[in-house]
């Protein structure tokens, strides 16, 4: 696709991280990874559109809150897998991601979501010192015990005095 250069760079980097994690999980080189479920059109759209949206908004740095571990099992091409899925867990391990248990026993972070977060985020944890300019919300379709939303805070950094 004829994408802006930054969108292409970020998108390829996300897929590279995903290939590394999947390769480690399956004991193969990243170049040998076959993106079955992850290569589906929705994952490509998720990755490329996230990168395009961040570029469109002029985002220079991203920070991510700790991620919910989830739990239970999920059905995928490999059969029933524990949650977090092995590739998600490997991405978190590779990038020392801060996670927490909110008690919900469902998949709350997919391998695609984890790859986006670890590739594009500077760090996971506390909110950096900033002035909020805009807030965006996105709602998931899964019914959960808590609001199923993703929030994006756009702001400018503030230097500590």
Protein backbone atom coordinates (compact mmCIF):
# COMPACT_ATOMS: atom_id res chain seq x y z
CA UNK A 1 0.00 0.00 0.00
CA UNK A 2 1.07 3.58 -0.52
CA UNK A 3 1.28 4.53 3.14
CA UNK A 4 3.07 7.45 4.75
CA UNK A 5 6.63 6.38 5.61
CA UNK A 6 6.09 6.51 9.40
CA UNK A 7 2.97 4.32 9.12
CA UNK A 8 4.95 1.78 7.09
CA UNK A 9 7.86 1.81 9.56
CA UNK A 10 5.60 1.36 12.60
CA UNK A 11 3.42 -1.31 10.93
CA UNK A 12 6.40 -3.40 9.84
CA UNK A 13 7.93 -3.05 13.32
CA UNK A 14 4.71 -4.34 14.93
CA UNK A 15 4.59 -7.35 12.61
CA UNK A 16 8.31 -7.98 13.28
CA UNK A 17 7.70 -8.09 17.05
CA UNK A 18 4.78 -10.45 16.51
CA UNK A 19 6.90 -12.71 14.29
CA UNK A 20 9.68 -12.82 16.89
CA UNK A 21 7.24 -13.79 19.64
CA UNK A 22 5.42 -16.38 17.52
CA UNK A 23 8.76 -17.80 16.40
CA UNK A 24 9.95 -18.18 19.98
CA UNK A 25 6.69 -19.83 21.01
CA UNK A 26 6.83 -22.30 18.10
CA UNK A 27 10.60 -22.82 18.13
CA UNK A 28 11.16 -21.43 14.63
CA UNK A 29 12.87 -18.40 13.10
CA UNK A 30 10.72 -15.27 12.78
CA UNK A 31 11.03 -15.48 8.98
CA UNK A 32 9.37 -18.92 9.06
CA UNK A 33 6.32 -17.75 11.02
CA UNK A 34 3.04 -18.17 9.17
CA UNK A 35 0.55 -15.52 10.28
CA UNK A 36 -2.63 -17.62 10.28
CA UNK A 37 -5.08 -15.88 12.62
CA UNK A 38 -2.80 -12.90 13.08
CA UNK A 39 -2.42 -12.46 9.32
CA UNK A 40 -6.17 -12.24 8.91
CA UNK A 41 -7.50 -9.02 7.43
CA UNK A 42 -8.77 -7.73 10.78
CA UNK A 43 -5.29 -7.96 12.36
CA UNK A 44 -3.74 -6.17 9.39
CA UNK A 45 -6.39 -3.47 9.69
CA UNK A 46 -5.86 -3.22 13.47
CA UNK A 47 -2.12 -2.75 13.10
CA UNK A 48 -2.00 -0.50 10.05
CA UNK A 49 -4.96 1.66 11.13
CA UNK A 50 -3.54 2.10 14.64
CA UNK A 51 -0.26 3.25 13.14
CA UNK A 52 -2.05 5.48 10.62
CA UNK A 53 -4.22 6.99 13.34
CA UNK A 54 -1.24 7.79 15.55
CA UNK A 55 0.59 9.35 12.60
CA UNK A 56 -2.50 11.36 11.63
CA UNK A 57 -2.78 12.67 15.19
CA UNK A 58 0.90 13.64 15.19
CA UNK A 59 1.73 11.38 18.12
CA UNK A 60 5.46 11.40 18.81
CA UNK A 61 5.58 9.16 21.89
CA UNK A 62 3.14 6.73 23.48
CA UNK A 63 2.93 5.40 27.00
CA UNK A 64 0.75 2.53 28.14
CA UNK A 65 -0.86 1.71 31.45
CA UNK A 66 -0.21 -1.73 32.93
CA UNK A 67 -2.12 -4.35 30.95
CA UNK A 68 -4.73 -6.77 32.37
CA UNK A 69 -3.56 -10.38 32.25
CA UNK A 70 -6.99 -11.93 31.77
CA UNK A 71 -7.34 -15.64 32.32
CA UNK A 72 -9.09 -18.83 31.36
CA UNK A 73 -8.85 -20.23 27.86
CA UNK A 74 -9.43 -19.05 24.30
CA UNK A 75 -10.16 -21.14 21.22
CA UNK A 76 -7.83 -20.50 18.26
CA UNK A 77 -6.36 -22.32 15.25
CA UNK A 78 -4.14 -24.34 17.62
CA UNK A 79 -7.12 -25.45 19.73
CA UNK A 80 -7.73 -24.32 23.29
CA UNK A 81 -4.96 -22.07 24.57
CA UNK A 82 -4.41 -20.57 28.00
CA UNK A 83 -4.92 -16.85 28.48
CA UNK A 84 -2.78 -14.87 28.12
CA UNK A 85 -2.05 -16.60 24.82
CA UNK A 86 1.55 -17.82 24.50
CA UNK A 87 2.50 -15.11 21.97
CA UNK A 88 0.98 -12.39 24.18
CA UNK A 89 2.91 -13.67 27.17
CA UNK A 90 6.14 -13.86 25.14
CA UNK A 91 5.71 -10.26 23.94
CA UNK A 92 5.20 -9.15 27.53
CA UNK A 93 8.24 -11.12 28.66
CA UNK A 94 10.43 -9.76 25.83
CA UNK A 95 9.54 -6.18 26.76
CA UNK A 96 9.21 -6.39 30.56
CA UNK A 97 5.59 -5.23 30.39
CA UNK A 98 3.84 -4.37 33.65
CA UNK A 99 0.65 -6.42 33.96
CA UNK A 100 -2.02 -6.95 36.62
CA UNK A 101 -4.85 -9.34 37.42
CA UNK A 102 -8.29 -7.72 37.48
CA UNK A 103 -10.02 -11.06 38.07
CA UNK A 104 -11.63 -11.31 34.63
CA UNK A 105 -11.18 -14.75 33.11
CA UNK A 106 -11.27 -13.86 29.41
CA UNK A 107 -8.75 -12.78 26.80
CA UNK A 108 -8.33 -9.07 27.42
CA UNK A 109 -5.16 -8.49 25.37
CA UNK A 110 -4.65 -10.38 22.11
CA UNK A 111 -1.25 -11.07 20.55
CA UNK A 112 -2.01 -8.34 18.00
CA UNK A 113 -2.88 -5.83 20.72
CA UNK A 114 0.20 -6.82 22.72
CA UNK A 115 2.43 -6.41 19.65
CA UNK A 116 1.02 -2.95 18.98
CA UNK A 117 1.50 -1.90 22.60
CA UNK A 118 5.05 -3.21 23.04
CA UNK A 119 6.23 -1.82 19.71
CA UNK A 120 4.79 1.66 19.98
CA UNK A 121 4.95 2.35 23.74
CA UNK A 122 7.89 4.00 25.43
CA UNK A 123 6.99 2.37 28.74
CA UNK A 124 4.25 0.68 30.77
CA UNK A 125 3.19 1.99 34.12
CA UNK A 126 2.44 5.36 35.63
CA UNK A 127 0.95 8.20 33.63
CA UNK A 128 3.71 10.57 32.54
CA UNK A 129 3.54 14.22 33.56
CA UNK A 130 1.52 15.94 30.82
CA UNK A 131 -1.21 18.40 29.96
CA UNK A 132 -4.26 16.63 28.50
CA UNK A 133 -5.44 18.09 25.18
CA UNK A 134 -8.00 15.49 24.01
CA UNK A 135 -9.43 12.16 25.17
CA UNK A 136 -10.72 9.46 22.85
CA UNK A 137 -12.70 6.32 23.69
CA UNK A 138 -13.19 3.07 21.84
CA UNK A 139 -15.63 0.39 22.94
CA UNK A 140 -15.16 -3.34 22.52
CA UNK A 141 -17.99 -5.71 21.67
CA UNK A 142 -17.32 -8.25 24.43
CA UNK A 143 -19.57 -8.01 27.50
CA UNK A 144 -17.38 -7.74 30.61
CA UNK A 145 -17.88 -7.07 34.30
CA UNK A 146 -16.14 -3.72 33.78
CA UNK A 147 -16.45 -1.15 30.98
CA UNK A 148 -14.85 -2.64 27.85
CA UNK A 149 -13.17 0.50 26.59
CA UNK A 150 -9.81 1.69 25.41
CA UNK A 151 -8.94 5.28 26.23
CA UNK A 152 -6.44 7.39 24.35
CA UNK A 153 -5.19 10.53 26.05
CA UNK A 154 -3.49 13.07 23.82
CA UNK A 155 -1.34 15.57 25.59
CA UNK A 156 1.87 17.49 25.67
CA UNK A 157 4.71 16.63 27.99
CA UNK A 158 5.48 18.70 31.01
CA UNK A 159 8.99 18.91 32.36
CA UNK A 160 9.38 18.20 36.07
CA UNK A 161 10.38 21.34 37.99
